[in-house]
C-alpha atoms as a PDB file:
ATOM      1  CA  UNK A   1      79.080 -22.222 -37.365  1.00  0.00           C
ATOM      2  CA  UNK A   2      75.439 -21.183 -37.420  1.00  0.00           C
ATOM      3  CA  UNK A   3      73.601 -20.796 -40.687  1.00  0.00           C
ATOM      4  CA  UNK A   4      71.900 -17.426 -41.184  1.00  0.00           C
ATOM      5  CA  UNK A   5      68.736 -19.311 -42.115  1.00  0.00           C
ATOM      6  CA  UNK A   6      68.367 -20.768 -38.638  1.00  0.00           C
ATOM      7  CA  UNK A   7      68.797 -17.647 -36.539  1.00  0.00           C
ATOM      8  CA  UNK A   8      66.030 -15.436 -35.208  1.00  0.00           C
ATOM      9  CA  UNK A   9      66.398 -11.729 -34.549  1.00  0.00           C
ATOM     10  CA  UNK A  10      63.768  -9.452 -33.078  1.00  0.00           C
ATOM     11  CA  UNK A  11      63.443  -6.036 -34.678  1.00  0.00           C
ATOM     12  CA  UNK A  12      62.607  -2.890 -32.774  1.00  0.00           C
ATOM     13  CA  UNK A  13      61.630   0.476 -34.195  1.00  0.00           C
ATOM     14  CA  UNK A  14      61.765   3.888 -32.566  1.00  0.00           C
ATOM     15  CA  UNK A  15      59.582   5.434 -35.291  1.00  0.00           C
ATOM     16  CA  UNK A  16      56.535   3.185 -34.875  1.00  0.00           C
ATOM     17  CA  UNK A  17      54.316   2.306 -31.912  1.00  0.00           C
ATOM     18  CA  UNK A  18      55.652  -0.379 -29.584  1.00  0.00           C
ATOM     19  CA  UNK A  19      53.957  -3.758 -29.479  1.00  0.00           C
ATOM     20  CA  UNK A  20      50.822  -3.679 -27.328  1.00  0.00           C
ATOM     21  CA  UNK A  21      51.368  -7.175 -25.963  1.00  0.00           C
ATOM     22  CA  UNK A  22      53.975  -9.898 -25.501  1.00  0.00           C
ATOM     23  CA  UNK A  23      55.219  -9.955 -29.092  1.00  0.00           C
ATOM     24  CA  UNK A  24      57.791  -8.257 -31.319  1.00  0.00           C
ATOM     25  CA  UNK A  25      56.883  -5.644 -33.934  1.00  0.00           C
ATOM     26  CA  UNK A  26      58.934  -7.743 -36.352  1.00  0.00           C
ATOM     27  CA  UNK A  27      61.141 -10.823 -36.444  1.00  0.00           C
ATOM     28  CA  UNK A  28      63.843 -11.662 -38.955  1.00  0.00           C
ATOM     29  CA  UNK A  29      65.001 -15.157 -39.830  1.00  0.00           C
ATOM     30  CA  UNK A  30      67.080 -16.102 -42.838  1.00  0.00           C
ATOM     31  CA  UNK A  31      65.945 -13.998 -45.763  1.00  0.00           C
ATOM     32  CA  UNK A  32      62.490 -13.242 -44.318  1.00  0.00           C
ATOM     33  CA  UNK A  33      61.176 -10.470 -42.086  1.00  0.00           C
ATOM     34  CA  UNK A  34      57.761 -10.979 -40.498  1.00  0.00           C
ATOM     35  CA  UNK A  35      56.062  -7.709 -39.533  1.00  0.00           C
ATOM     36  CA  UNK A  36      53.348  -8.054 -36.902  1.00  0.00           C
ATOM     37  CA  UNK A  37      49.928  -6.645 -37.641  1.00  0.00           C
ATOM     38  CA  UNK A  38      49.961  -2.862 -37.620  1.00  0.00           C
ATOM     39  CA  UNK A  39      47.001  -0.798 -36.526  1.00  0.00           C
ATOM     40  CA  UNK A  40      46.457   2.846 -37.337  1.00  0.00           C
ATOM     41  CA  UNK A  41      48.094   3.891 -34.063  1.00  0.00           C
ATOM     42  CA  UNK A  42      49.747   7.226 -33.508  1.00  0.00           C
ATOM     43  CA  UNK A  43      53.109   6.571 -31.840  1.00  0.00           C
ATOM     44  CA  UNK A  44      52.967   9.752 -29.753  1.00  0.00           C
ATOM     45  CA  UNK A  45      49.536   9.128 -28.225  1.00  0.00           C
ATOM     46  CA  UNK A  46      49.174   5.355 -28.477  1.00  0.00           C
ATOM     47  CA  UNK A  47      45.668   5.973 -29.778  1.00  0.00           C
ATOM     48  CA  UNK A  48      44.065   5.198 -33.109  1.00  0.00           C
ATOM     49  CA  UNK A  49      44.137   8.078 -35.561  1.00  0.00           C
ATOM     50  CA  UNK A  50      40.821   9.705 -36.370  1.00  0.00           C
ATOM     51  CA  UNK A  51      39.417   9.946 -39.874  1.00  0.00           C
ATOM     52  CA  UNK A  52      38.083   6.482 -40.569  1.00  0.00           C
ATOM     53  CA  UNK A  53      39.338   3.630 -42.698  1.00  0.00           C
ATOM     54  CA  UNK A  54      41.612   5.654 -44.968  1.00  0.00           C
ATOM     55  CA  UNK A  55      43.357   7.442 -42.103  1.00  0.00           C
ATOM     56  CA  UNK A  56      43.858   4.206 -40.147  1.00  0.00           C
ATOM     57  CA  UNK A  57      45.084   2.354 -43.254  1.00  0.00           C
ATOM     58  CA  UNK A  58      47.565   5.121 -44.035  1.00  0.00           C
ATOM     59  CA  UNK A  59      48.894   5.165 -40.469  1.00  0.00           C
ATOM     60  CA  UNK A  60      49.147   1.360 -40.315  1.00  0.00           C
ATOM     61  CA  UNK A  61      51.173   1.353 -43.541  1.00  0.00           C
ATOM     62  CA  UNK A  62      53.342   4.262 -42.364  1.00  0.00           C
ATOM     63  CA  UNK A  63      54.080   2.255 -39.204  1.00  0.00           C
ATOM     64  CA  UNK A  64      54.888  -0.810 -41.311  1.00  0.00           C
ATOM     65  CA  UNK A  65      57.203   1.237 -43.517  1.00  0.00           C
ATOM     66  CA  UNK A  66      59.066   2.549 -40.443  1.00  0.00           C
ATOM     67  CA  UNK A  67      59.504  -0.983 -39.090  1.00  0.00           C
ATOM     68  CA  UNK A  68      60.810  -2.241 -42.425  1.00  0.00           C
ATOM     69  CA  UNK A  69      63.244   0.678 -42.583  1.00  0.00           C
ATOM     70  CA  UNK A  70      64.505  -0.314 -39.113  1.00  0.00           C
ATOM     71  CA  UNK A  71      65.318  -3.710 -40.637  1.00  0.00           C
ATOM     72  CA  UNK A  72      67.114  -2.037 -43.570  1.00  0.00           C
ATOM     73  CA  UNK A  73      64.258  -2.764 -45.980  1.00  0.00           C
ATOM     74  CA  UNK A  74      61.505  -0.875 -47.782  1.00  0.00           C
ATOM     75  CA  UNK A  75      57.941  -1.519 -48.896  1.00  0.00           C
ATOM     76  CA  UNK A  76      59.418  -2.843 -52.143  1.00  0.00           C
ATOM     77  CA  UNK A  77      60.745  -5.841 -50.188  1.00  0.00           C
ATOM     78  CA  UNK A  78      57.250  -6.913 -49.103  1.00  0.00           C
ATOM     79  CA  UNK A  79      56.178 -10.187 -50.718  1.00  0.00           C
ATOM     80  CA  UNK A  80      52.907 -10.856 -48.819  1.00  0.00           C
ATOM     81  CA  UNK A  81      50.420  -8.871 -46.783  1.00  0.00           C
ATOM     82  CA  UNK A  82      47.327  -9.826 -44.877  1.00  0.00           C
ATOM     83  CA  UNK A  83      44.714  -7.142 -44.326  1.00  0.00           C
ATOM     84  CA  UNK A  84      42.193  -7.599 -41.522  1.00  0.00           C
ATOM     85  CA  UNK A  85      39.085  -5.439 -41.943  1.00  0.00           C
ATOM     86  CA  UNK A  86      36.283  -4.907 -39.472  1.00  0.00           C
ATOM     87  CA  UNK A  87      33.931  -4.254 -42.405  1.00  0.00           C
ATOM     88  CA  UNK A  88      34.612  -5.686 -45.867  1.00  0.00           C
ATOM     89  CA  UNK A  89      32.350  -2.933 -47.179  1.00  0.00           C
ATOM     90  CA  UNK A  90      35.320  -0.597 -46.588  1.00  0.00           C
ATOM     91  CA  UNK A  91      37.634  -2.643 -48.827  1.00  0.00           C
ATOM     92  CA  UNK A  92      37.645  -0.101 -51.691  1.00  0.00           C
ATOM     93  CA  UNK A  93      38.547   2.784 -49.359  1.00  0.00           C
ATOM     94  CA  UNK A  94      41.347   0.736 -47.763  1.00  0.00           C
ATOM     95  CA  UNK A  95      42.540  -0.373 -51.198  1.00  0.00           C
ATOM     96  CA  UNK A  96      42.808   3.217 -52.454  1.00  0.00           C
ATOM     97  CA  UNK A  97      45.302   4.045 -49.684  1.00  0.00           C
ATOM     98  CA  UNK A  98      47.084   0.673 -49.988  1.00  0.00           C
ATOM     99  CA  UNK A  99      47.738   1.493 -53.664  1.00  0.00           C
ATOM    100  CA  UNK A 100      49.665   4.623 -52.578  1.00  0.00           C
ATOM    101  CA  UNK A 101      52.200   2.433 -50.747  1.00  0.00           C
ATOM    102  CA  UNK A 102      52.443  -0.433 -53.239  1.00  0.00           C
ATOM    103  CA  UNK A 103      52.707   0.981 -56.750  1.00  0.00           C
ATOM    104  CA  UNK A 104      54.403  -1.814 -58.734  1.00  0.00           C
ATOM    105  CA  UNK A 105      55.621  -5.381 -58.296  1.00  0.00           C
ATOM    106  CA  UNK A 106      52.692  -5.826 -55.931  1.00  0.00           C
ATOM    107  CA  UNK A 107      52.969  -8.273 -53.048  1.00  0.00           C
ATOM    108  CA  UNK A 108      50.567 -11.176 -52.738  1.00  0.00           C
ATOM    109  CA  UNK A 109      47.677 -10.249 -50.446  1.00  0.00           C
ATOM    110  CA  UNK A 110      44.780 -11.676 -48.508  1.00  0.00           C
ATOM    111  CA  UNK A 111      41.953  -9.576 -47.082  1.00  0.00           C
ATOM    112  CA  UNK A 112      39.809 -10.961 -44.301  1.00  0.00           C
ATOM    113  CA  UNK A 113      36.802  -9.554 -42.464  1.00  0.00           C
ATOM    114  CA  UNK A 114      37.082 -10.056 -38.715  1.00  0.00           C
ATOM    115  CA  UNK A 115      34.743  -9.704 -35.743  1.00  0.00           C
ATOM    116  CA  UNK A 116      37.049  -7.317 -33.904  1.00  0.00           C
ATOM    117  CA  UNK A 117      40.540  -5.855 -33.725  1.00  0.00           C
ATOM    118  CA  UNK A 118      42.725  -4.663 -30.844  1.00  0.00           C
ATOM    119  CA  UNK A 119      41.966  -1.188 -29.485  1.00  0.00           C
ATOM    120  CA  UNK A 120      38.745  -1.232 -31.560  1.00  0.00           C
ATOM    121  CA  UNK A 121      40.693  -0.624 -34.752  1.00  0.00           C
ATOM    122  CA  UNK A 122      38.980  -0.973 -38.111  1.00  0.00           C
ATOM    123  CA  UNK A 123      42.004  -2.229 -40.075  1.00  0.00           C
ATOM    124  CA  UNK A 124      45.178  -4.147 -39.254  1.00  0.00           C
ATOM    125  CA  UNK A 125      47.877  -5.092 -41.766  1.00  0.00           C
ATOM    126  CA  UNK A 126      50.707  -7.601 -41.380  1.00  0.00           C
ATOM    127  CA  UNK A 127      53.492  -8.347 -43.841  1.00  0.00           C
ATOM    128  CA  UNK A 128      56.255 -10.694 -44.865  1.00  0.00           C
ATOM    129  CA  UNK A 129      59.276  -9.124 -46.546  1.00  0.00           C
ATOM    130  CA  UNK A 130      62.333 -10.653 -48.154  1.00  0.00           C
ATOM    131  CA  UNK A 131      65.861  -9.386 -47.621  1.00  0.00           C
ATOM    132  CA  UNK A 132      68.978 -10.180 -49.595  1.00  0.00           C
ATOM    133  CA  UNK A 133      71.268 -12.790 -48.071  1.00  0.00           C
ATOM    134  CA  UNK A 134      74.396 -11.094 -46.770  1.00  0.00           C
ATOM    135  CA  UNK A 135      76.067 -14.221 -45.422  1.00  0.00           C
ATOM    136  CA  UNK A 136      79.368 -14.866 -47.162  1.00  0.00           C
ATOM    137  CA  UNK A 137      79.651 -18.413 -45.760  1.00  0.00           C
ATOM    138  CA  UNK A 138      79.765 -20.707 -48.790  1.00  0.00           C
ATOM    139  CA  UNK A 139      78.163 -23.476 -46.687  1.00  0.00           C
ATOM    140  CA  UNK A 140      75.123 -21.351 -45.850  1.00  0.00           C
ATOM    141  CA  UNK A 141      71.888 -22.813 -47.118  1.00  0.00           C
ATOM    142  CA  UNK A 142      70.981 -19.353 -48.489  1.00  0.00           C
ATOM    143  CA  UNK A 143      73.790 -19.485 -51.026  1.00  0.00           C
ATOM    144  CA  UNK A 144      73.221 -20.916 -54.476  1.00  0.00           C
ATOM    145  CA  UNK A 145      75.198 -24.079 -55.072  1.00  0.00           C
END
């Protein structure tokens, strides 16, 4: 019998842009879901939204929310994010939008300035979320002993 903690499942999402390379938008293993970095891409056009850092941050987080919902989770399940910014001078503007999506029990977060992002984006956000263990196998390593 396979333990739920040792399996890997790729997650797809019809309500967010597809991956733009050879990777999954998210992967689940055990009690963790790893959401790949999300840009401010419009699903319909495949292009970055216009409107600057706040618009791209909002769209990236909307995409992340849709992916989490595809995994049966919500933003409340996020335990860690990493924010990649083209310009750390835009941190406050990004943070204002970020605070709309995370309003309590905040996840841990890192913010890093980078030299460039795919599709010339100005912000990319990745996340790790936790899901409740649904395995009823008493031998599963997820279960409390």
